[in-house]
Amino acid sequence: MVIVVSALADSSVNFAVRAWVESSDYWGVFFDMNENVYKTFAKEGLHIPFPQMDVHVHK
């Protein structure tokens, strides 16, 4: 498995995770890894950032 920092974005640090699996197992591993990362982050109190924009209206 390879884990690297792929980008330092505006509101996040993006990681790329690459695991070597059989082609027939690819999608199962892909979705299981995403779900496990999401659940582990939540359990550890980490939040996935999302883009947001503040709009100020002046009269």
N, C-alpha and C. Protein backbone atom coordinates (compact mmCIF):
# COMPACT_ATOMS: atom_id res chain seq x y z
N MET A 1 0.86 -1.17 0.00
CA MET A 1 0.00 0.00 0.00
C MET A 1 0.90 1.23 0.00
N VAL A 2 0.46 2.25 -0.70
CA VAL A 2 1.17 3.52 -0.76
C VAL A 2 0.23 4.62 -0.30
N ILE A 3 0.69 5.46 0.61
CA ILE A 3 -0.09 6.61 1.07
C ILE A 3 0.81 7.83 0.95
N VAL A 4 0.35 8.84 0.19
CA VAL A 4 1.14 10.05 -0.02
C VAL A 4 0.25 11.28 0.09
N VAL A 5 0.87 12.41 0.40
CA VAL A 5 0.15 13.69 0.34
C VAL A 5 0.12 14.08 -1.13
N SER A 6 -1.09 14.21 -1.68
CA SER A 6 -1.21 14.53 -3.10
C SER A 6 -1.42 16.01 -3.37
N ALA A 7 -1.92 16.76 -2.36
CA ALA A 7 -2.14 18.19 -2.56
C ALA A 7 -2.32 18.89 -1.22
N LEU A 8 -1.85 20.12 -1.17
CA LEU A 8 -2.16 21.01 -0.07
C LEU A 8 -3.18 22.00 -0.61
N ALA A 9 -4.44 21.71 -0.38
CA ALA A 9 -5.53 22.48 -0.98
C ALA A 9 -5.94 23.65 -0.07
N ASP A 10 -6.93 24.42 -0.50
CA ASP A 10 -7.37 25.60 0.24
C ASP A 10 -7.82 25.27 1.66
N SER A 11 -8.61 24.21 1.81
CA SER A 11 -9.16 23.88 3.12
C SER A 11 -8.84 22.46 3.55
N SER A 12 -7.85 21.85 2.94
CA SER A 12 -7.58 20.45 3.26
C SER A 12 -6.17 20.04 2.87
N VAL A 13 -5.78 18.92 3.42
CA VAL A 13 -4.58 18.22 2.97
C VAL A 13 -5.10 16.95 2.31
N ASN A 14 -4.83 16.78 1.03
CA ASN A 14 -5.36 15.64 0.28
C ASN A 14 -4.34 14.51 0.24
N PHE A 15 -4.82 13.32 0.54
CA PHE A 15 -3.97 12.14 0.52
C PHE A 15 -4.41 11.23 -0.63
N ALA A 16 -3.46 10.55 -1.23
CA ALA A 16 -3.76 9.50 -2.20
C ALA A 16 -3.37 8.18 -1.55
N VAL A 17 -4.29 7.23 -1.60
CA VAL A 17 -4.05 5.90 -1.03
C VAL A 17 -4.18 4.90 -2.17
N ARG A 18 -3.13 4.12 -2.37
CA ARG A 18 -3.12 3.12 -3.45
C ARG A 18 -2.86 1.75 -2.84
N ALA A 19 -3.79 0.85 -3.04
CA ALA A 19 -3.62 -0.53 -2.57
C ALA A 19 -3.61 -1.45 -3.78
N TRP A 20 -2.75 -2.44 -3.77
CA TRP A 20 -2.67 -3.39 -4.87
C TRP A 20 -3.66 -4.51 -4.62
N VAL A 21 -4.64 -4.66 -5.51
CA VAL A 21 -5.66 -5.70 -5.37
C VAL A 21 -5.90 -6.35 -6.73
N GLU A 22 -6.54 -7.49 -6.70
CA GLU A 22 -6.96 -8.13 -7.95
C GLU A 22 -7.97 -7.23 -8.65
N SER A 23 -7.93 -7.19 -9.96
CA SER A 23 -8.86 -6.34 -10.73
C SER A 23 -10.31 -6.62 -10.36
N SER A 24 -10.64 -7.86 -10.14
CA SER A 24 -12.03 -8.22 -9.84
C SER A 24 -12.47 -7.72 -8.46
N ASP A 25 -11.51 -7.39 -7.59
CA ASP A 25 -11.82 -6.90 -6.24
C ASP A 25 -11.79 -5.39 -6.14
N TYR A 26 -11.43 -4.71 -7.22
CA TYR A 26 -11.16 -3.27 -7.18
C TYR A 26 -12.30 -2.47 -6.55
N TRP A 27 -13.50 -2.58 -7.10
CA TRP A 27 -14.59 -1.72 -6.63
C TRP A 27 -15.00 -2.04 -5.20
N GLY A 28 -14.99 -3.30 -4.83
CA GLY A 28 -15.31 -3.65 -3.44
C GLY A 28 -14.31 -3.04 -2.47
N VAL A 29 -13.02 -3.14 -2.80
CA VAL A 29 -11.98 -2.56 -1.95
C VAL A 29 -12.10 -1.04 -1.96
N PHE A 30 -12.34 -0.44 -3.10
CA PHE A 30 -12.48 1.01 -3.21
C PHE A 30 -13.57 1.54 -2.27
N PHE A 31 -14.76 0.95 -2.35
CA PHE A 31 -15.87 1.44 -1.52
C PHE A 31 -15.67 1.10 -0.05
N ASP A 32 -15.12 -0.07 0.25
CA ASP A 32 -14.86 -0.44 1.64
C ASP A 32 -13.81 0.49 2.27
N MET A 33 -12.78 0.83 1.52
CA MET A 33 -11.76 1.74 2.05
C MET A 33 -12.35 3.12 2.33
N ASN A 34 -13.15 3.64 1.40
CA ASN A 34 -13.78 4.95 1.61
C ASN A 34 -14.66 4.94 2.85
N GLU A 35 -15.46 3.90 3.00
CA GLU A 35 -16.35 3.80 4.16
C GLU A 35 -15.55 3.69 5.45
N ASN A 36 -14.50 2.87 5.45
CA ASN A 36 -13.70 2.69 6.65
C ASN A 36 -12.97 3.97 7.04
N VAL A 37 -12.45 4.70 6.07
CA VAL A 37 -11.79 5.97 6.36
C VAL A 37 -12.80 6.95 6.95
N TYR A 38 -13.96 7.05 6.35
CA TYR A 38 -15.00 7.98 6.83
C TYR A 38 -15.39 7.64 8.27
N LYS A 39 -15.63 6.37 8.56
CA LYS A 39 -16.04 5.96 9.90
C LYS A 39 -14.92 6.16 10.91
N THR A 40 -13.69 5.86 10.52
CA THR A 40 -12.56 6.03 11.43
C THR A 40 -12.33 7.51 11.73
N PHE A 41 -12.42 8.36 10.72
CA PHE A 41 -12.28 9.80 10.94
C PHE A 41 -13.35 10.28 11.93
N ALA A 42 -14.60 9.87 11.73
CA ALA A 42 -15.69 10.29 12.62
C ALA A 42 -15.42 9.81 14.05
N LYS A 43 -14.97 8.58 14.20
CA LYS A 43 -14.69 8.02 15.52
C LYS A 43 -13.58 8.80 16.22
N GLU A 44 -12.61 9.28 15.46
CA GLU A 44 -11.48 10.01 16.01
C GLU A 44 -11.72 11.51 16.10
N GLY A 45 -12.92 11.97 15.73
CA GLY A 45 -13.26 13.38 15.82
C GLY A 45 -12.71 14.23 14.68
N LEU A 46 -12.33 13.59 13.58
CA LEU A 46 -11.85 14.34 12.41
C LEU A 46 -13.01 14.59 11.46
N HIS A 47 -13.05 15.77 10.89
CA HIS A 47 -14.14 16.14 9.99
C HIS A 47 -13.59 16.39 8.60
N ILE A 48 -14.31 15.93 7.61
CA ILE A 48 -13.91 16.15 6.22
C ILE A 48 -14.39 17.54 5.82
N PRO A 49 -13.49 18.42 5.40
CA PRO A 49 -13.91 19.78 5.05
C PRO A 49 -14.70 19.80 3.74
N PHE A 50 -15.51 20.80 3.62
CA PHE A 50 -16.26 20.99 2.39
C PHE A 50 -16.13 22.45 1.98
N PRO A 51 -16.20 22.72 0.69
CA PRO A 51 -16.09 24.11 0.25
C PRO A 51 -17.27 24.94 0.77
N GLN A 52 -16.97 26.15 1.16
CA GLN A 52 -18.05 27.03 1.56
C GLN A 52 -17.71 28.45 1.15
N MET A 53 -18.75 29.25 1.00
CA MET A 53 -18.57 30.63 0.58
C MET A 53 -19.46 31.51 1.45
N ASP A 54 -18.90 32.58 1.97
CA ASP A 54 -19.68 33.56 2.71
C ASP A 54 -20.09 34.67 1.76
N VAL A 55 -21.36 34.99 1.77
CA VAL A 55 -21.88 36.06 0.90
C VAL A 55 -22.37 37.18 1.79
N HIS A 56 -21.85 38.37 1.57
CA HIS A 56 -22.27 39.54 2.34
C HIS A 56 -23.05 40.45 1.39
N VAL A 57 -24.25 40.82 1.81
CA VAL A 57 -25.10 41.68 0.98
C VAL A 57 -25.09 43.08 1.60
N HIS A 58 -24.69 44.06 0.80
CA HIS A 58 -24.66 45.46 1.25
C HIS A 58 -25.74 46.21 0.49
N LYS A 59 -26.48 47.03 1.22
CA LYS A 59 -27.53 47.82 0.58
C LYS A 59 -26.95 49.07 -0.04
